[in-house]
């Protein structure tokens, strides 16, 4: 995953469920800049959309947590 530091921050906010407007306010950057970062991140991550890219970002950032979650779900189901 070849994201810039800004793209990583934006995607972390996306994972937390913030809107583009909220992200722009938190980062003190233009709304259009947030959209650019998200669009570039989606392409780099290989996501089909914002939600898919957020999921893939989360898994790529912490595969151990993802695998533990899958194991726990398998035990429950």
N, C-alpha and C. Protein backbone atom coordinates (compact mmCIF):
# COMPACT_ATOMS: atom_id res chain seq x y z
N UNK A 1 0.87 -1.18 0.00
CA UNK A 1 0.00 0.00 0.00
C UNK A 1 0.90 1.23 0.00
N UNK A 2 0.78 2.00 -1.02
CA UNK A 2 1.68 3.14 -1.25
C UNK A 2 0.99 4.47 -0.97
N UNK A 3 0.27 4.57 0.13
CA UNK A 3 -0.46 5.80 0.43
C UNK A 3 0.47 6.85 1.01
N UNK A 4 0.18 8.11 0.70
CA UNK A 4 0.92 9.20 1.32
C UNK A 4 0.46 9.33 2.77
N UNK A 5 1.22 10.02 3.61
CA UNK A 5 0.78 10.21 4.99
C UNK A 5 -0.61 10.87 5.09
N UNK A 6 -0.88 11.83 4.20
CA UNK A 6 -2.18 12.50 4.23
C UNK A 6 -3.30 11.54 3.85
N UNK A 7 -3.05 10.70 2.85
CA UNK A 7 -4.05 9.72 2.44
C UNK A 7 -4.33 8.73 3.56
N UNK A 8 -3.30 8.34 4.28
CA UNK A 8 -3.48 7.42 5.42
C UNK A 8 -4.34 8.05 6.51
N UNK A 9 -4.09 9.32 6.79
CA UNK A 9 -4.88 10.02 7.81
C UNK A 9 -6.33 10.10 7.38
N UNK A 10 -6.56 10.48 6.13
CA UNK A 10 -7.92 10.59 5.62
C UNK A 10 -8.62 9.23 5.69
N UNK A 11 -7.93 8.17 5.28
CA UNK A 11 -8.56 6.84 5.31
C UNK A 11 -8.83 6.39 6.75
N UNK A 12 -7.98 6.77 7.67
CA UNK A 12 -8.25 6.44 9.08
C UNK A 12 -9.54 7.13 9.54
N UNK A 13 -9.73 8.35 9.13
CA UNK A 13 -10.97 9.06 9.46
C UNK A 13 -12.18 8.41 8.77
N UNK A 14 -11.99 7.96 7.55
CA UNK A 14 -13.07 7.26 6.84
C UNK A 14 -13.46 5.99 7.60
N UNK A 15 -12.46 5.25 8.06
CA UNK A 15 -12.72 4.03 8.84
C UNK A 15 -13.53 4.37 10.09
N UNK A 16 -13.25 5.52 10.69
CA UNK A 16 -13.99 5.93 11.89
C UNK A 16 -15.40 6.43 11.57
N UNK A 17 -15.71 6.57 10.28
CA UNK A 17 -17.06 6.95 9.88
C UNK A 17 -17.30 8.44 9.70
N UNK A 18 -16.22 9.23 9.64
CA UNK A 18 -16.40 10.66 9.44
C UNK A 18 -16.77 10.97 7.99
N UNK A 19 -17.57 12.00 7.82
CA UNK A 19 -17.92 12.46 6.47
C UNK A 19 -16.75 13.27 5.91
N UNK A 20 -16.82 13.51 4.60
CA UNK A 20 -15.77 14.31 3.97
C UNK A 20 -15.70 15.71 4.59
N UNK A 21 -16.86 16.27 4.89
CA UNK A 21 -16.91 17.61 5.49
C UNK A 21 -16.25 17.58 6.88
N UNK A 22 -16.54 16.56 7.67
CA UNK A 22 -15.93 16.45 9.00
C UNK A 22 -14.42 16.27 8.91
N UNK A 23 -13.99 15.47 7.93
CA UNK A 23 -12.54 15.26 7.74
C UNK A 23 -11.87 16.57 7.36
N UNK A 24 -12.49 17.32 6.47
CA UNK A 24 -11.88 18.59 6.04
C UNK A 24 -11.77 19.56 7.22
N UNK A 25 -12.77 19.56 8.09
CA UNK A 25 -12.72 20.43 9.27
C UNK A 25 -11.63 19.98 10.23
N UNK A 26 -11.53 18.67 10.47
CA UNK A 26 -10.51 18.16 11.40
C UNK A 26 -9.10 18.41 10.90
N UNK A 27 -8.90 18.22 9.59
CA UNK A 27 -7.56 18.37 9.03
C UNK A 27 -7.27 19.80 8.59
N UNK A 28 -8.30 20.66 8.62
CA UNK A 28 -8.15 22.05 8.21
C UNK A 28 -7.66 22.15 6.77
N UNK A 29 -8.32 21.35 5.91
CA UNK A 29 -8.03 21.39 4.48
C UNK A 29 -9.36 21.50 3.73
N UNK A 30 -9.28 21.83 2.46
CA UNK A 30 -10.50 21.98 1.65
C UNK A 30 -11.20 20.65 1.46
N UNK A 31 -12.52 20.73 1.33
CA UNK A 31 -13.35 19.57 1.04
C UNK A 31 -12.86 18.86 -0.22
N UNK A 32 -12.55 19.63 -1.24
CA UNK A 32 -12.10 19.05 -2.51
C UNK A 32 -10.78 18.29 -2.35
N UNK A 33 -9.93 18.76 -1.44
CA UNK A 33 -8.67 18.07 -1.17
C UNK A 33 -8.94 16.72 -0.51
N UNK A 34 -9.89 16.70 0.40
CA UNK A 34 -10.28 15.44 1.05
C UNK A 34 -10.76 14.46 -0.02
N UNK A 35 -11.61 14.93 -0.92
CA UNK A 35 -12.13 14.07 -1.99
C UNK A 35 -10.99 13.52 -2.85
N UNK A 36 -10.01 14.37 -3.15
CA UNK A 36 -8.86 13.95 -3.94
C UNK A 36 -8.09 12.85 -3.22
N UNK A 37 -7.82 13.06 -1.92
CA UNK A 37 -7.10 12.05 -1.14
C UNK A 37 -7.87 10.73 -1.10
N UNK A 38 -9.17 10.80 -0.90
CA UNK A 38 -9.97 9.58 -0.84
C UNK A 38 -9.98 8.88 -2.20
N UNK A 39 -10.18 9.63 -3.26
CA UNK A 39 -10.21 9.03 -4.60
C UNK A 39 -8.88 8.36 -4.94
N UNK A 40 -7.78 9.01 -4.61
CA UNK A 40 -6.46 8.43 -4.87
C UNK A 40 -6.24 7.18 -4.01
N UNK A 41 -6.65 7.25 -2.75
CA UNK A 41 -6.48 6.11 -1.86
C UNK A 41 -7.30 4.91 -2.35
N UNK A 42 -8.52 5.15 -2.80
CA UNK A 42 -9.35 4.06 -3.32
C UNK A 42 -8.64 3.36 -4.49
N UNK A 43 -8.07 4.16 -5.39
CA UNK A 43 -7.35 3.58 -6.53
C UNK A 43 -6.13 2.79 -6.07
N UNK A 44 -5.34 3.36 -5.17
CA UNK A 44 -4.12 2.71 -4.71
C UNK A 44 -4.41 1.43 -3.93
N UNK A 45 -5.47 1.45 -3.14
CA UNK A 45 -5.82 0.29 -2.33
C UNK A 45 -6.50 -0.78 -3.18
N UNK A 46 -7.12 -0.35 -4.27
CA UNK A 46 -7.84 -1.30 -5.12
C UNK A 46 -9.25 -1.54 -4.64
N UNK A 47 -9.81 -0.52 -4.01
CA UNK A 47 -11.18 -0.63 -3.52
C UNK A 47 -12.20 -0.36 -4.62
N UNK A 48 -13.37 -0.98 -4.47
CA UNK A 48 -14.45 -0.75 -5.44
C UNK A 48 -15.19 0.55 -5.13
N UNK A 49 -15.16 0.93 -3.87
CA UNK A 49 -15.83 2.15 -3.43
C UNK A 49 -15.22 2.56 -2.09
N UNK A 50 -15.76 3.59 -1.50
CA UNK A 50 -15.23 4.15 -0.25
C UNK A 50 -15.24 3.11 0.88
N UNK A 51 -16.35 2.41 1.02
CA UNK A 51 -16.48 1.44 2.10
C UNK A 51 -15.53 0.26 1.92
N UNK A 52 -15.45 -0.25 0.70
CA UNK A 52 -14.54 -1.35 0.42
C UNK A 52 -13.09 -0.93 0.66
N UNK A 53 -12.74 0.27 0.24
CA UNK A 53 -11.38 0.77 0.45
C UNK A 53 -11.09 0.94 1.94
N UNK A 54 -12.07 1.41 2.70
CA UNK A 54 -11.87 1.57 4.15
C UNK A 54 -11.62 0.22 4.80
N UNK A 55 -12.39 -0.79 4.39
CA UNK A 55 -12.20 -2.13 4.93
C UNK A 55 -10.81 -2.66 4.59
N UNK A 56 -10.42 -2.55 3.31
CA UNK A 56 -9.11 -3.03 2.90
C UNK A 56 -7.99 -2.27 3.61
N UNK A 57 -8.16 -0.98 3.80
CA UNK A 57 -7.18 -0.17 4.51
C UNK A 57 -7.02 -0.69 5.93
N UNK A 58 -8.13 -0.96 6.59
CA UNK A 58 -8.10 -1.45 7.96
C UNK A 58 -7.39 -2.80 8.04
N UNK A 59 -7.71 -3.70 7.12
CA UNK A 59 -7.09 -5.02 7.10
C UNK A 59 -5.60 -4.91 6.82
N UNK A 60 -5.23 -4.05 5.87
CA UNK A 60 -3.81 -3.90 5.53
C UNK A 60 -3.02 -3.24 6.65
N UNK A 61 -3.66 -2.36 7.39
CA UNK A 61 -2.98 -1.68 8.50
C UNK A 61 -2.76 -2.63 9.68
N UNK A 62 -3.70 -3.55 9.88
CA UNK A 62 -3.62 -4.43 11.05
C UNK A 62 -4.14 -5.82 10.71
N UNK A 63 -3.37 -6.60 9.95
CA UNK A 63 -3.84 -7.94 9.59
C UNK A 63 -4.03 -8.85 10.79
N UNK A 64 -3.22 -8.64 11.85
CA UNK A 64 -3.34 -9.49 13.03
C UNK A 64 -4.72 -9.34 13.68
N UNK A 65 -5.17 -8.10 13.79
CA UNK A 65 -6.48 -7.84 14.39
C UNK A 65 -7.56 -8.46 13.53
N UNK A 66 -7.43 -8.34 12.23
CA UNK A 66 -8.41 -8.92 11.32
C UNK A 66 -8.48 -10.44 11.49
N UNK A 67 -7.32 -11.09 11.53
CA UNK A 67 -7.30 -12.54 11.67
C UNK A 67 -7.87 -12.99 13.01
N UNK A 68 -7.58 -12.26 14.07
CA UNK A 68 -8.14 -12.58 15.39
C UNK A 68 -9.66 -12.46 15.36
N UNK A 69 -10.15 -11.45 14.69
CA UNK A 69 -11.60 -11.24 14.58
C UNK A 69 -12.25 -12.40 13.84
N UNK A 70 -11.64 -12.84 12.74
CA UNK A 70 -12.17 -13.95 11.96
C UNK A 70 -12.18 -15.22 12.82
N UNK A 71 -11.10 -15.48 13.56
CA UNK A 71 -11.04 -16.66 14.42
C UNK A 71 -12.14 -16.63 15.49
N UNK A 72 -12.34 -15.46 16.08
CA UNK A 72 -13.36 -15.31 17.10
C UNK A 72 -14.75 -15.55 16.50
N UNK A 73 -15.00 -15.02 15.33
CA UNK A 73 -16.29 -15.22 14.67
C UNK A 73 -16.52 -16.69 14.36
N UNK A 74 -15.49 -17.38 13.94
CA UNK A 74 -15.63 -18.81 13.60
C UNK A 74 -15.98 -19.62 14.85
N UNK A 75 -15.41 -19.22 16.00
CA UNK A 75 -15.70 -19.93 17.24
C UNK A 75 -17.15 -19.69 17.65
N UNK A 76 -17.63 -18.49 17.45
CA UNK A 76 -19.00 -18.13 17.84
C UNK A 76 -20.02 -18.79 16.93
N UNK A 77 -19.70 -18.80 15.64
CA UNK A 77 -20.63 -19.38 14.68
C UNK A 77 -20.47 -20.88 14.65
